[in-house]
N, C-alpha and C. Protein backbone atom coordinates (compact mmCIF):
# COMPACT_ATOMS: atom_id res chain seq x y z
N MET A 1 192.94 84.20 115.89
CA MET A 1 193.94 84.44 114.87
C MET A 1 193.93 83.33 113.82
N SER A 2 194.06 83.69 112.57
CA SER A 2 194.06 82.61 111.55
C SER A 2 195.46 82.06 111.19
N ASP A 3 195.65 81.25 110.46
CA ASP A 3 196.86 80.73 110.08
C ASP A 3 197.61 81.50 109.01
N ASP A 4 196.82 82.61 108.52
CA ASP A 4 197.54 83.53 107.58
C ASP A 4 198.56 84.27 108.08
N PRO A 5 199.87 84.22 107.62
CA PRO A 5 200.97 84.96 108.19
C PRO A 5 200.98 86.39 107.91
N THR A 6 199.92 86.87 107.37
CA THR A 6 199.72 88.34 107.11
C THR A 6 198.79 88.94 108.15
N HIS A 7 199.16 90.02 108.76
CA HIS A 7 198.42 90.71 109.80
C HIS A 7 198.02 92.17 109.46
N LEU A 8 196.75 92.41 109.43
CA LEU A 8 196.32 93.70 109.01
C LEU A 8 196.31 94.53 110.43
N VAL A 9 197.14 95.66 110.46
CA VAL A 9 197.18 96.50 111.54
C VAL A 9 196.10 97.58 111.46
N HIS A 10 195.07 97.57 112.30
CA HIS A 10 193.91 98.33 112.16
C HIS A 10 194.18 99.74 112.80
N ASP A 11 194.86 99.90 113.75
CA ASP A 11 195.22 101.22 114.28
C ASP A 11 196.61 101.30 114.72
N GLY A 12 197.13 102.48 114.94
CA GLY A 12 198.64 102.69 115.26
C GLY A 12 199.00 102.29 116.62
N THR A 13 198.04 101.91 117.38
CA THR A 13 198.32 101.53 118.84
C THR A 13 198.42 100.03 119.08
N GLU A 14 198.05 99.22 118.17
CA GLU A 14 197.97 97.77 118.32
C GLU A 14 199.41 97.26 118.48
N LYS A 15 199.61 96.36 119.63
CA LYS A 15 200.82 95.90 119.87
C LYS A 15 200.91 94.38 119.31
N GLN A 16 202.06 93.92 118.84
CA GLN A 16 202.22 92.68 118.04
C GLN A 16 202.78 91.57 118.82
N ALA A 17 202.93 91.68 120.13
CA ALA A 17 203.63 90.70 120.94
C ALA A 17 203.16 89.28 120.75
N GLU A 18 201.89 89.07 120.75
CA GLU A 18 201.30 87.69 120.55
C GLU A 18 201.52 87.15 119.30
N TYR A 19 201.84 87.98 118.26
CA TYR A 19 202.03 87.51 116.89
C TYR A 19 203.42 87.36 116.48
N ASN A 20 204.46 87.63 117.30
CA ASN A 20 205.91 87.78 116.99
C ASN A 20 206.34 86.48 116.26
N ASN A 21 205.87 85.40 116.61
CA ASN A 21 206.54 84.20 116.05
C ASN A 21 205.94 83.69 114.74
N ILE A 22 204.80 84.28 114.37
CA ILE A 22 204.16 83.70 113.05
C ILE A 22 204.05 84.68 111.95
N ILE A 23 203.90 85.97 112.33
CA ILE A 23 203.60 86.94 111.31
C ILE A 23 204.75 87.20 110.36
N THR A 24 204.66 87.31 109.06
CA THR A 24 205.66 87.51 108.23
C THR A 24 205.54 88.83 107.26
N THR A 25 204.24 89.26 107.24
CA THR A 25 203.94 90.57 106.50
C THR A 25 202.86 91.29 107.29
N MET A 26 203.16 92.56 107.36
CA MET A 26 202.11 93.46 108.05
C MET A 26 201.74 94.50 107.15
N THR A 27 200.41 94.83 107.08
CA THR A 27 199.89 95.78 106.19
C THR A 27 199.02 96.73 107.05
N CYS A 28 199.25 98.04 107.04
CA CYS A 28 198.53 98.95 107.88
C CYS A 28 197.35 99.53 106.81
N ALA A 29 196.32 99.71 107.58
CA ALA A 29 194.98 100.20 106.87
C ALA A 29 195.30 101.51 106.28
N PRO A 30 194.67 101.90 105.15
CA PRO A 30 195.01 103.11 104.52
C PRO A 30 194.77 104.39 105.25
N ASN A 31 193.92 104.35 106.28
CA ASN A 31 193.57 105.64 107.08
C ASN A 31 194.62 105.77 108.29
N ILE A 32 195.53 104.91 108.34
CA ILE A 32 196.57 105.07 109.49
C ILE A 32 197.53 106.21 109.14
N THR A 33 197.74 107.08 110.24
CA THR A 33 198.76 108.03 110.06
C THR A 33 199.85 108.06 110.99
N GLN A 34 199.76 107.05 111.90
CA GLN A 34 200.83 106.96 113.00
C GLN A 34 201.21 105.44 113.24
N VAL A 35 202.39 105.19 113.46
CA VAL A 35 202.79 103.93 114.04
C VAL A 35 203.22 104.14 115.37
N ALA A 36 202.65 103.54 116.39
CA ALA A 36 202.91 103.74 117.74
C ALA A 36 204.33 103.31 118.19
N ASP A 37 204.82 103.81 119.17
CA ASP A 37 206.10 103.40 119.85
C ASP A 37 206.09 101.91 120.06
N GLY A 38 206.96 101.31 119.55
CA GLY A 38 207.15 99.66 119.80
C GLY A 38 206.09 98.91 119.07
N ALA A 39 205.24 99.45 118.15
CA ALA A 39 204.24 98.81 117.59
C ALA A 39 204.56 97.39 117.04
N CYS A 40 205.68 97.20 116.50
CA CYS A 40 206.07 95.92 115.86
C CYS A 40 207.38 95.39 116.53
N LYS A 41 207.59 95.96 117.61
CA LYS A 41 208.91 95.62 118.41
C LYS A 41 208.95 94.00 118.54
N TYR A 42 210.19 93.58 118.26
CA TYR A 42 210.45 92.05 118.43
C TYR A 42 209.48 91.18 117.52
N ALA A 43 209.07 91.68 116.42
CA ALA A 43 208.26 90.86 115.48
C ALA A 43 209.33 90.26 114.68
N LYS A 44 210.06 89.18 115.17
CA LYS A 44 211.25 88.68 114.61
C LYS A 44 211.15 88.04 113.17
N ASN A 45 209.95 87.59 112.80
CA ASN A 45 209.76 86.93 111.60
C ASN A 45 209.07 87.84 110.46
N VAL A 46 208.86 89.09 110.83
CA VAL A 46 208.32 90.06 109.82
C VAL A 46 209.37 90.45 108.78
N ILE A 47 208.93 90.05 107.45
CA ILE A 47 209.94 90.32 106.42
C ILE A 47 209.54 91.59 105.69
N SER A 48 208.25 92.02 105.78
CA SER A 48 207.73 93.12 104.92
C SER A 48 206.76 93.86 105.58
N ILE A 49 206.74 95.16 105.60
CA ILE A 49 205.75 96.02 106.19
C ILE A 49 205.23 96.91 105.17
N ASP A 50 203.92 97.00 105.04
CA ASP A 50 203.30 97.88 103.98
C ASP A 50 202.65 99.10 104.71
N LEU A 51 203.18 100.30 104.45
CA LEU A 51 202.64 101.45 105.39
C LEU A 51 201.88 102.37 104.25
N PRO A 52 200.86 103.03 104.60
CA PRO A 52 200.10 103.82 103.61
C PRO A 52 200.84 105.19 103.48
N GLU A 53 200.69 105.92 102.37
CA GLU A 53 201.27 107.22 102.07
C GLU A 53 201.05 108.21 103.20
N GLY A 54 199.90 108.15 103.88
CA GLY A 54 199.59 109.19 104.91
C GLY A 54 200.36 109.10 106.16
N ILE A 55 201.24 108.12 106.32
CA ILE A 55 201.98 108.09 107.62
C ILE A 55 202.78 109.29 107.82
N THR A 56 202.49 109.93 109.05
CA THR A 56 203.21 111.14 109.42
C THR A 56 204.14 110.94 110.67
N ILE A 57 203.88 109.94 111.41
CA ILE A 57 204.72 109.70 112.56
C ILE A 57 205.10 108.13 112.63
N ILE A 58 206.40 107.83 112.81
CA ILE A 58 206.75 106.52 113.20
C ILE A 58 207.30 106.59 114.55
N GLY A 59 206.74 105.87 115.44
CA GLY A 59 207.25 106.06 116.88
C GLY A 59 208.52 105.32 117.18
N GLN A 60 209.03 105.83 118.22
CA GLN A 60 210.31 105.13 118.85
C GLN A 60 210.31 103.74 118.91
N ALA A 61 211.24 103.03 118.42
CA ALA A 61 211.56 101.63 118.41
C ALA A 61 210.33 100.85 117.81
N SER A 62 209.63 101.45 116.82
CA SER A 62 208.45 100.71 116.19
C SER A 62 208.91 99.42 115.59
N PHE A 63 210.05 99.34 115.00
CA PHE A 63 210.62 98.22 114.33
C PHE A 63 211.84 97.47 114.97
N TYR A 64 212.04 97.81 116.30
CA TYR A 64 213.15 97.31 116.99
C TYR A 64 213.10 95.83 117.05
N GLY A 65 214.15 95.23 116.88
CA GLY A 65 214.06 93.71 117.01
C GLY A 65 213.48 92.87 115.79
N CYS A 66 213.11 93.56 114.84
CA CYS A 66 212.49 92.97 113.63
C CYS A 66 213.76 92.51 112.81
N ILE A 67 214.40 91.29 113.29
CA ILE A 67 215.66 90.91 112.65
C ILE A 67 215.57 90.35 111.20
N SER A 68 214.25 90.01 110.73
CA SER A 68 214.18 89.49 109.44
C SER A 68 213.56 90.59 108.43
N LEU A 69 213.25 91.75 108.90
CA LEU A 69 212.74 92.84 108.12
C LEU A 69 213.63 93.19 106.89
N LYS A 70 213.09 93.12 105.75
CA LYS A 70 213.83 93.46 104.53
C LYS A 70 213.29 94.65 103.74
N GLU A 71 211.99 94.86 104.01
CA GLU A 71 211.34 95.70 103.17
C GLU A 71 210.28 96.64 103.89
N ILE A 72 210.29 97.94 103.78
CA ILE A 72 209.16 98.75 104.27
C ILE A 72 208.75 99.60 103.06
N LYS A 73 207.42 99.24 102.58
CA LYS A 73 206.85 99.91 101.45
C LYS A 73 205.80 101.00 101.90
């Protein structure tokens, strides 16, 4: 993992537990159609999440515990 506080989510099943303390921005790849249950759960430092237009399902508790989250685009 790099020091870049942006994390590219490559598929809707990727869990973020190991990144919770450093990631501030998340960007989903354009071909993503679903955000898995709990995908970003407890990512407490995430401020912004960029989702593609093709998202059809956002799973249960996907952003639960994201206490710094200000924007989903």
